Amino acid sequence: PTETLEKFLTTYEQVYIKFAAYDQKDLEVIKEFAYKNKN
């Protein structure tokens, strides 16, 4: 849910992300989101 995650991060101050991961494919999705929304 990239778009709604970005809305939460923009709207709320007391918020953080806890990514679940099982394999490298999962981690690549996590990294892509993190670098896109580093700010």
All heavy atoms as atom14 arrays in JSON, in Angstrom:
{
  "sequence": "PTETLEKFLTTYEQVYIKFAAYDQKDLEVIKEFAYKNKN",
  "atom14_mask": [
    [1, 1, 1, 1, 1, 1, 1, 0, 0, 0, 0, 0, 0, 0],
    [1, 1, 1, 1, 1, 1, 1, 0, 0, 0, 0, 0, 0, 0],
    [1, 1, 1, 1, 1, 1, 1, 1, 1, 0, 0, 0, 0, 0],
    [1, 1, 1, 1, 1, 1, 1, 0, 0, 0, 0, 0, 0, 0],
    [1, 1, 1, 1, 1, 1, 1, 1, 0, 0, 0, 0, 0, 0],
    [1, 1, 1, 1, 1, 1, 1, 1, 1, 0, 0, 0, 0, 0],
    [1, 1, 1, 1, 1, 1, 1, 1, 1, 0, 0, 0, 0, 0],
    [1, 1, 1, 1, 1, 1, 1, 1, 1, 1, 1, 0, 0, 0],
    [1, 1, 1, 1, 1, 1, 1, 1, 0, 0, 0, 0, 0, 0],
    [1, 1, 1, 1, 1, 1, 1, 0, 0, 0, 0, 0, 0, 0],
    [1, 1, 1, 1, 1, 1, 1, 0, 0, 0, 0, 0, 0, 0],
    [1, 1, 1, 1, 1, 1, 1, 1, 1, 1, 1, 1, 0, 0],
    [1, 1, 1, 1, 1, 1, 1, 1, 1, 0, 0, 0, 0, 0],
    [1, 1, 1, 1, 1, 1, 1, 1, 1, 0, 0, 0, 0, 0],
    [1, 1, 1, 1, 1, 1, 1, 0, 0, 0, 0, 0, 0, 0],
    [1, 1, 1, 1, 1, 1, 1, 1, 1, 1, 1, 1, 0, 0],
    [1, 1, 1, 1, 1, 1, 1, 1, 0, 0, 0, 0, 0, 0],
    [1, 1, 1, 1, 1, 1, 1, 1, 1, 0, 0, 0, 0, 0],
    [1, 1, 1, 1, 1, 1, 1, 1, 1, 1, 1, 0, 0, 0],
    [1, 1, 1, 1, 1, 0, 0, 0, 0, 0, 0, 0, 0, 0],
    [1, 1, 1, 1, 1, 0, 0, 0, 0, 0, 0, 0, 0, 0],
    [1, 1, 1, 1, 1, 1, 1, 1, 1, 1, 1, 1, 0, 0],
    [1, 1, 1, 1, 1, 1, 1, 1, 0, 0, 0, 0, 0, 0],
    [1, 1, 1, 1, 1, 1, 1, 1, 1, 0, 0, 0, 0, 0],
    [1, 1, 1, 1, 1, 1, 1, 1, 1, 0, 0, 0, 0, 0],
    [1, 1, 1, 1, 1, 1, 1, 1, 0, 0, 0, 0, 0, 0],
    [1, 1, 1, 1, 1, 1, 1, 1, 0, 0, 0, 0, 0, 0],
    [1, 1, 1, 1, 1, 1, 1, 1, 1, 0, 0, 0, 0, 0],
    [1, 1, 1, 1, 1, 1, 1, 0, 0, 0, 0, 0, 0, 0],
    [1, 1, 1, 1, 1, 1, 1, 1, 0, 0, 0, 0, 0, 0],
    [1, 1, 1, 1, 1, 1, 1, 1, 1, 0, 0, 0, 0, 0],
    [1, 1, 1, 1, 1, 1, 1, 1, 1, 0, 0, 0, 0, 0],
    [1, 1, 1, 1, 1, 1, 1, 1, 1, 1, 1, 0, 0, 0],
    [1, 1, 1, 1, 1, 0, 0, 0, 0, 0, 0, 0, 0, 0],
    [1, 1, 1, 1, 1, 1, 1, 1, 1, 1, 1, 1, 0, 0],
    [1, 1, 1, 1, 1, 1, 1, 1, 1, 0, 0, 0, 0, 0],
    [1, 1, 1, 1, 1, 1, 1, 1, 0, 0, 0, 0, 0, 0],
    [1, 1, 1, 1, 1, 1, 1, 1, 1, 0, 0, 0, 0, 0],
    [1, 1, 1, 1, 1, 1, 1, 1, 0, 0, 0, 0, 0, 0]
  ],
  "atom14_positions": [
    [[0.8, -1.24, 0.0], [0.0, 0.0, 0.0], [0.83, 1.29, 0.0], [0.74, 2.11, 0.92], [-0.8, -0.13, 1.29], [0.14, -0.84, 2.22], [0.91, -1.81, 1.36], [0.0, 0.0, 0.0], [0.0, 0.0, 0.0], [0.0, 0.0, 0.0], [0.0, 0.0, 0.0], [0.0, 0.0, 0.0], [0.0, 0.0, 0.0], [0.0, 0.0, 0.0]],
    [[1.6, 1.5, -1.03], [2.53, 2.64, -1.06], [1.86, 3.97, -0.8], [2.31, 4.76, 0.05], [3.26, 2.68, -2.41], [4.01, 1.46, -2.58], [4.21, 3.87, -2.49], [0.0, 0.0, 0.0], [0.0, 0.0, 0.0], [0.0, 0.0, 0.0], [0.0, 0.0, 0.0], [0.0, 0.0, 0.0], [0.0, 0.0, 0.0], [0.0, 0.0, 0.0]],
    [[0.77, 4.25, -1.5], [0.14, 5.57, -1.41], [-0.43, 5.86, -0.02], [-0.27, 6.97, 0.51], [-0.95, 5.71, -2.47], [-0.39, 5.77, -3.89], [-1.48, 6.03, -4.92], [-2.64, 6.28, -4.53], [-1.16, 5.99, -6.12], [0.0, 0.0, 0.0], [0.0, 0.0, 0.0], [0.0, 0.0, 0.0], [0.0, 0.0, 0.0], [0.0, 0.0, 0.0]],
    [[-1.09, 4.88, 0.57], [-1.68, 5.13, 1.89], [-0.59, 5.21, 2.97], [-0.73, 5.99, 3.92], [-2.71, 4.05, 2.26], [-2.16, 2.76, 2.03], [-3.97, 4.22, 1.46], [0.0, 0.0, 0.0], [0.0, 0.0, 0.0], [0.0, 0.0, 0.0], [0.0, 0.0, 0.0], [0.0, 0.0, 0.0], [0.0, 0.0, 0.0], [0.0, 0.0, 0.0]],
    [[0.48, 4.45, 2.82], [1.59, 4.58, 3.77], [2.16, 6.0, 3.72], [2.45, 6.6, 4.76], [2.7, 3.58, 3.44], [2.39, 2.1, 3.65], [3.57, 1.25, 3.18], [2.07, 1.8, 5.11], [0.0, 0.0, 0.0], [0.0, 0.0, 0.0], [0.0, 0.0, 0.0], [0.0, 0.0, 0.0], [0.0, 0.0, 0.0], [0.0, 0.0, 0.0]],
    [[2.32, 6.53, 2.52], [2.84, 7.89, 2.37], [1.91, 8.91, 3.02], [2.37, 9.88, 3.63], [3.04, 8.2, 0.89], [4.17, 7.4, 0.26], [4.23, 7.51, -1.26], [3.25, 8.03, -1.85], [5.22, 7.09, -1.84], [0.0, 0.0, 0.0], [0.0, 0.0, 0.0], [0.0, 0.0, 0.0], [0.0, 0.0, 0.0], [0.0, 0.0, 0.0]],
    [[0.59, 8.69, 2.92], [-0.38, 9.6, 3.55], [-0.24, 9.56, 5.06], [-0.28, 10.61, 5.72], [-1.8, 9.23, 3.13], [-2.16, 9.61, 1.71], [-3.6, 9.24, 1.41], [-3.99, 9.6, -0.02], [-5.39, 9.21, -0.32], [0.0, 0.0, 0.0], [0.0, 0.0, 0.0], [0.0, 0.0, 0.0], [0.0, 0.0, 0.0], [0.0, 0.0, 0.0]],
    [[-0.1, 8.37, 5.63], [0.08, 8.25, 7.09], [1.35, 8.98, 7.53], [1.35, 9.72, 8.52], [0.17, 6.78, 7.5], [-1.15, 6.13, 7.78], [-1.65, 5.16, 6.91], [-1.89, 6.46, 8.9], [-2.86, 4.54, 7.17], [-3.1, 5.85, 9.17], [-3.6, 4.88, 8.29], [0.0, 0.0, 0.0], [0.0, 0.0, 0.0], [0.0, 0.0, 0.0]],
    [[2.44, 8.77, 6.82], [3.72, 9.38, 7.18], [3.67, 10.91, 7.05], [4.35, 11.62, 7.79], [4.84, 8.82, 6.31], [5.2, 7.35, 6.57], [6.15, 6.85, 5.49], [5.83, 7.18, 7.95], [0.0, 0.0, 0.0], [0.0, 0.0, 0.0], [0.0, 0.0, 0.0], [0.0, 0.0, 0.0], [0.0, 0.0, 0.0], [0.0, 0.0, 0.0]],
    [[2.88, 11.39, 6.13], [2.75, 12.84, 5.92], [1.83, 13.47, 6.96], [2.06, 14.6, 7.4], [2.19, 13.12, 4.51], [3.06, 12.57, 3.53], [2.06, 14.62, 4.25], [0.0, 0.0, 0.0], [0.0, 0.0, 0.0], [0.0, 0.0, 0.0], [0.0, 0.0, 0.0], [0.0, 0.0, 0.0], [0.0, 0.0, 0.0], [0.0, 0.0, 0.0]],
    [[0.81, 12.75, 7.38], [-0.25, 13.3, 8.23], [0.07, 13.24, 9.72], [-0.28, 14.15, 10.47], [-1.58, 12.57, 7.95], [-1.88, 12.66, 6.55], [-2.71, 13.17, 8.77], [0.0, 0.0, 0.0], [0.0, 0.0, 0.0], [0.0, 0.0, 0.0], [0.0, 0.0, 0.0], [0.0, 0.0, 0.0], [0.0, 0.0, 0.0], [0.0, 0.0, 0.0]],
    [[0.74, 12.17, 10.15], [0.95, 11.94, 11.58], [2.43, 12.07, 11.95], [3.31, 11.69, 11.18], [0.45, 10.55, 11.98], [-1.05, 10.38, 11.84], [-1.6, 9.85, 10.68], [-1.9, 10.78, 12.86], [-2.98, 9.72, 10.54], [-3.28, 10.65, 12.73], [-3.82, 10.12, 11.57], [-5.17, 9.99, 11.45], [0.0, 0.0, 0.0], [0.0, 0.0, 0.0]],
    [[2.68, 12.59, 13.15], [4.05, 12.71, 13.64], [4.48, 11.47, 14.41], [5.62, 11.01, 14.26], [4.18, 13.95, 14.54], [4.08, 15.26, 13.78], [4.38, 16.46, 14.65], [4.84, 16.25, 15.8], [4.15, 17.59, 14.2], [0.0, 0.0, 0.0], [0.0, 0.0, 0.0], [0.0, 0.0, 0.0], [0.0, 0.0, 0.0], [0.0, 0.0, 0.0]],
    [[3.6, 10.95, 15.26], [3.93, 9.76, 16.06], [3.6, 8.51, 15.25], [2.57, 7.86, 15.45], [3.17, 9.79, 17.38], [3.58, 10.91, 18.31], [5.05, 10.8, 18.71], [5.55, 9.74, 19.07], [5.76, 11.91, 18.65], [0.0, 0.0, 0.0], [0.0, 0.0, 0.0], [0.0, 0.0, 0.0], [0.0, 0.0, 0.0], [0.0, 0.0, 0.0]],
    [[4.5, 8.16, 14.33], [4.26, 7.04, 13.43], [5.61, 6.46, 13.0], [6.58, 7.19, 12.84], [3.44, 7.49, 12.2], [4.15, 8.58, 11.42], [3.12, 6.31, 11.29], [0.0, 0.0, 0.0], [0.0, 0.0, 0.0], [0.0, 0.0, 0.0], [0.0, 0.0, 0.0], [0.0, 0.0, 0.0], [0.0, 0.0, 0.0], [0.0, 0.0, 0.0]],
    [[5.66, 5.14, 12.89], [6.85, 4.51, 12.31], [6.43, 3.27, 11.54], [5.3, 2.81, 11.64], [7.91, 4.2, 13.37], [7.63, 3.02, 14.28], [8.0, 1.72, 13.92], [7.01, 3.21, 15.52], [7.77, 0.65, 14.78], [6.78, 2.13, 16.37], [7.16, 0.86, 15.99], [6.92, -0.2, 16.82], [0.0, 0.0, 0.0], [0.0, 0.0, 0.0]],
    [[7.37, 2.73, 10.74], [7.07, 1.58, 9.9], [7.79, 0.34, 10.42], [8.98, 0.38, 10.72], [7.46, 1.82, 8.43], [6.81, 3.1, 7.89], [7.02, 0.64, 7.57], [7.09, 3.35, 6.44], [0.0, 0.0, 0.0], [0.0, 0.0, 0.0], [0.0, 0.0, 0.0], [0.0, 0.0, 0.0], [0.0, 0.0, 0.0], [0.0, 0.0, 0.0]],
    [[7.03, -0.74, 10.47], [7.57, -2.04, 10.86], [7.3, -2.99, 9.69], [6.19, -3.45, 9.47], [6.86, -2.53, 12.13], [7.3, -3.88, 12.64], [6.44, -4.29, 13.82], [5.03, -4.57, 13.39], [4.1, -4.85, 14.48], [0.0, 0.0, 0.0], [0.0, 0.0, 0.0], [0.0, 0.0, 0.0], [0.0, 0.0, 0.0], [0.0, 0.0, 0.0]],
    [[8.35, -3.23, 8.9], [8.21, -4.07, 7.72], [8.41, -5.54, 8.07], [9.4, -5.9, 8.71], [9.26, -3.7, 6.67], [9.11, -2.35, 6.06], [9.95, -1.31, 6.4], [8.14, -2.11, 5.09], [9.84, -0.06, 5.82], [8.01, -0.87, 4.5], [8.86, 0.16, 4.86], [0.0, 0.0, 0.0], [0.0, 0.0, 0.0], [0.0, 0.0, 0.0]],
    [[7.51, -6.39, 7.62], [7.72, -7.84, 7.72], [8.49, -8.29, 6.49], [8.29, -7.77, 5.39], [6.39, -8.57, 7.81], [0.0, 0.0, 0.0], [0.0, 0.0, 0.0], [0.0, 0.0, 0.0], [0.0, 0.0, 0.0], [0.0, 0.0, 0.0], [0.0, 0.0, 0.0], [0.0, 0.0, 0.0], [0.0, 0.0, 0.0], [0.0, 0.0, 0.0]],
    [[9.37, -9.27, 6.67], [10.16, -9.76, 5.54], [10.49, -11.23, 5.72], [10.88, -11.66, 6.82], [11.45, -8.95, 5.4], [0.0, 0.0, 0.0], [0.0, 0.0, 0.0], [0.0, 0.0, 0.0], [0.0, 0.0, 0.0], [0.0, 0.0, 0.0], [0.0, 0.0, 0.0], [0.0, 0.0, 0.0], [0.0, 0.0, 0.0], [0.0, 0.0, 0.0]],
    [[10.36, -11.98, 4.62], [10.73, -13.4, 4.63], [11.95, -13.69, 3.75], [12.75, -14.57, 4.06], [9.55, -14.26, 4.15], [9.94, -15.71, 3.97], [10.16, -16.53, 5.08], [10.11, -16.25, 2.7], [10.55, -17.85, 4.92], [10.5, -17.57, 2.53], [10.72, -18.36, 3.64], [11.11, -19.66, 3.49], [0.0, 0.0, 0.0], [0.0, 0.0, 0.0]],
    [[12.09, -12.94, 2.64], [13.18, -13.24, 1.71], [13.7, -11.97, 1.05], [13.27, -10.85, 1.37], [12.71, -14.26, 0.65], [11.48, -13.79, -0.13], [11.19, -12.57, -0.12], [10.82, -14.64, -0.74], [0.0, 0.0, 0.0], [0.0, 0.0, 0.0], [0.0, 0.0, 0.0], [0.0, 0.0, 0.0], [0.0, 0.0, 0.0], [0.0, 0.0, 0.0]],
    [[14.62, -12.15, 0.12], [15.24, -11.01, -0.54], [14.24, -10.19, -1.35], [14.33, -8.96, -1.4], [16.37, -11.5, -1.47], [17.2, -10.38, -2.08], [17.97, -9.57, -1.04], [18.56, -10.14, -0.12], [17.95, -8.26, -1.17], [0.0, 0.0, 0.0], [0.0, 0.0, 0.0], [0.0, 0.0, 0.0], [0.0, 0.0, 0.0], [0.0, 0.0, 0.0]],
    [[13.27, -10.86, -1.96], [12.25, -10.14, -2.73], [11.49, -9.17, -1.83], [11.22, -8.03, -2.22], [11.29, -11.14, -3.38], [10.23, -10.49, -4.25], [9.33, -11.55, -4.88], [8.25, -10.9, -5.75], [7.34, -11.94, -6.34], [0.0, 0.0, 0.0], [0.0, 0.0, 0.0], [0.0, 0.0, 0.0], [0.0, 0.0, 0.0], [0.0, 0.0, 0.0]],
    [[11.14, -9.62, -0.64], [10.46, -8.75, 0.32], [11.34, -7.56, 0.68], [10.88, -6.41, 0.74], [10.11, -9.52, 1.6], [9.06, -10.59, 1.38], [8.39, -10.58, 0.34], [8.91, -11.44, 2.27], [0.0, 0.0, 0.0], [0.0, 0.0, 0.0], [0.0, 0.0, 0.0], [0.0, 0.0, 0.0], [0.0, 0.0, 0.0], [0.0, 0.0, 0.0]],
    [[12.61, -7.82, 0.92], [13.53, -6.75, 1.3], [13.7, -5.72, 0.2], [13.85, -4.52, 0.47], [14.88, -7.33, 1.7], [14.91, -8.1, 3.03], [16.25, -8.78, 3.22], [14.62, -7.17, 4.21], [0.0, 0.0, 0.0], [0.0, 0.0, 0.0], [0.0, 0.0, 0.0], [0.0, 0.0, 0.0], [0.0, 0.0, 0.0], [0.0, 0.0, 0.0]],
    [[13.66, -6.15, -1.06], [13.8, -5.2, -2.16], [12.62, -4.24, -2.22], [12.78, -3.05, -2.51], [13.95, -5.95, -3.49], [15.27, -6.7, -3.63], [16.49, -5.83, -3.39], [16.52, -4.69, -3.9], [17.43, -6.28, -2.7], [0.0, 0.0, 0.0], [0.0, 0.0, 0.0], [0.0, 0.0, 0.0], [0.0, 0.0, 0.0], [0.0, 0.0, 0.0]],
    [[11.43, -4.74, -1.92], [10.24, -3.87, -1.88], [10.39, -2.86, -0.75], [10.07, -1.67, -0.9], [8.96, -4.71, -1.7], [7.76, -3.81, -1.42], [8.7, -5.55, -2.94], [0.0, 0.0, 0.0], [0.0, 0.0, 0.0], [0.0, 0.0, 0.0], [0.0, 0.0, 0.0], [0.0, 0.0, 0.0], [0.0, 0.0, 0.0], [0.0, 0.0, 0.0]],
    [[10.87, -3.31, 0.39], [11.09, -2.44, 1.55], [12.09, -1.33, 1.21], [11.87, -0.15, 1.48], [11.59, -3.27, 2.75], [10.48, -4.21, 3.24], [12.08, -2.36, 3.88], [10.96, -5.27, 4.2], [0.0, 0.0, 0.0], [0.0, 0.0, 0.0], [0.0, 0.0, 0.0], [0.0, 0.0, 0.0], [0.0, 0.0, 0.0], [0.0, 0.0, 0.0]],
    [[13.2, -1.71, 0.6], [14.24, -0.73, 0.25], [13.73, 0.29, -0.76], [14.01, 1.48, -0.65], [15.47, -1.45, -0.3], [16.2, -2.3, 0.73], [17.31, -3.1, 0.06], [17.89, -4.15, 0.97], [18.91, -4.98, 0.29], [0.0, 0.0, 0.0], [0.0, 0.0, 0.0], [0.0, 0.0, 0.0], [0.0, 0.0, 0.0], [0.0, 0.0, 0.0]],
    [[12.98, -0.19, -1.74], [12.44, 0.71, -2.75], [11.55, 1.78, -2.1], [11.65, 2.96, -2.41], [11.65, -0.07, -3.79], [11.05, 0.8, -4.89], [10.25, 0.0, -5.9], [10.19, -1.25, -5.79], [9.65, 0.62, -6.8], [0.0, 0.0, 0.0], [0.0, 0.0, 0.0], [0.0, 0.0, 0.0], [0.0, 0.0, 0.0], [0.0, 0.0, 0.0]],
    [[10.69, 1.34, -1.19], [9.82, 2.29, -0.51], [10.63, 3.25, 0.36], [10.39, 4.46, 0.37], [8.79, 1.56, 0.36], [7.88, 2.49, 1.1], [6.72, 2.95, 0.51], [8.18, 2.93, 2.39], [5.88, 3.83, 1.18], [7.35, 3.8, 3.07], [6.2, 4.25, 2.46], [0.0, 0.0, 0.0], [0.0, 0.0, 0.0], [0.0, 0.0, 0.0]],
    [[11.6, 2.72, 1.08], [12.4, 3.55, 1.99], [13.16, 4.63, 1.25], [13.16, 5.81, 1.66], [13.36, 2.67, 2.78], [0.0, 0.0, 0.0], [0.0, 0.0, 0.0], [0.0, 0.0, 0.0], [0.0, 0.0, 0.0], [0.0, 0.0, 0.0], [0.0, 0.0, 0.0], [0.0, 0.0, 0.0], [0.0, 0.0, 0.0], [0.0, 0.0, 0.0]],
    [[13.79, 4.28, 0.17], [14.56, 5.28, -0.57], [13.66, 6.31, -1.25], [13.99, 7.5, -1.3], [15.46, 4.61, -1.61], [16.74, 4.06, -1.0], [16.92, 2.7, -0.79], [17.76, 4.93, -0.6], [18.08, 2.2, -0.21], [18.93, 4.45, -0.03], [19.08, 3.1, 0.17], [20.24, 2.61, 0.76], [0.0, 0.0, 0.0], [0.0, 0.0, 0.0]],
    [[12.5, 5.87, -1.71], [11.56, 6.8, -2.33], [11.03, 7.82, -1.32], [10.75, 8.97, -1.66], [10.38, 6.03, -2.95], [9.35, 6.93, -3.61], [8.15, 6.13, -4.1], [7.08, 7.06, -4.68], [5.84, 6.33, -5.05], [0.0, 0.0, 0.0], [0.0, 0.0, 0.0], [0.0, 0.0, 0.0], [0.0, 0.0, 0.0], [0.0, 0.0, 0.0]],
    [[10.9, 7.4, -0.07], [10.27, 8.25, 0.96], [11.23, 8.6, 2.09], [10.8, 8.79, 3.23], [9.03, 7.54, 1.51], [7.95, 7.4, 0.47], [7.24, 8.35, 0.15], [7.83, 6.19, -0.08], [0.0, 0.0, 0.0], [0.0, 0.0, 0.0], [0.0, 0.0, 0.0], [0.0, 0.0, 0.0], [0.0, 0.0, 0.0], [0.0, 0.0, 0.0]],
    [[12.49, 8.7, 1.77], [13.5, 8.94, 2.81], [13.21, 10.2, 3.61], [13.44, 10.26, 4.82], [14.88, 9.03, 2.16], [16.03, 8.99, 3.15], [17.37, 8.89, 2.45], [18.5, 8.75, 3.46], [19.83, 8.62, 2.8], [0.0, 0.0, 0.0], [0.0, 0.0, 0.0], [0.0, 0.0, 0.0], [0.0, 0.0, 0.0], [0.0, 0.0, 0.0]],
    [[12.68, 11.21, 2.96], [12.39, 12.48, 3.65], [11.21, 12.37, 4.61], [11.03, 13.22, 5.5], [12.1, 13.58, 2.63], [10.87, 13.31, 1.79], [10.68, 12.18, 1.33], [10.04, 14.31, 1.56], [0.0, 0.0, 0.0], [0.0, 0.0, 0.0], [0.0, 0.0, 0.0], [0.0, 0.0, 0.0], [0.0, 0.0, 0.0], [0.0, 0.0, 0.0]]
  ]
}
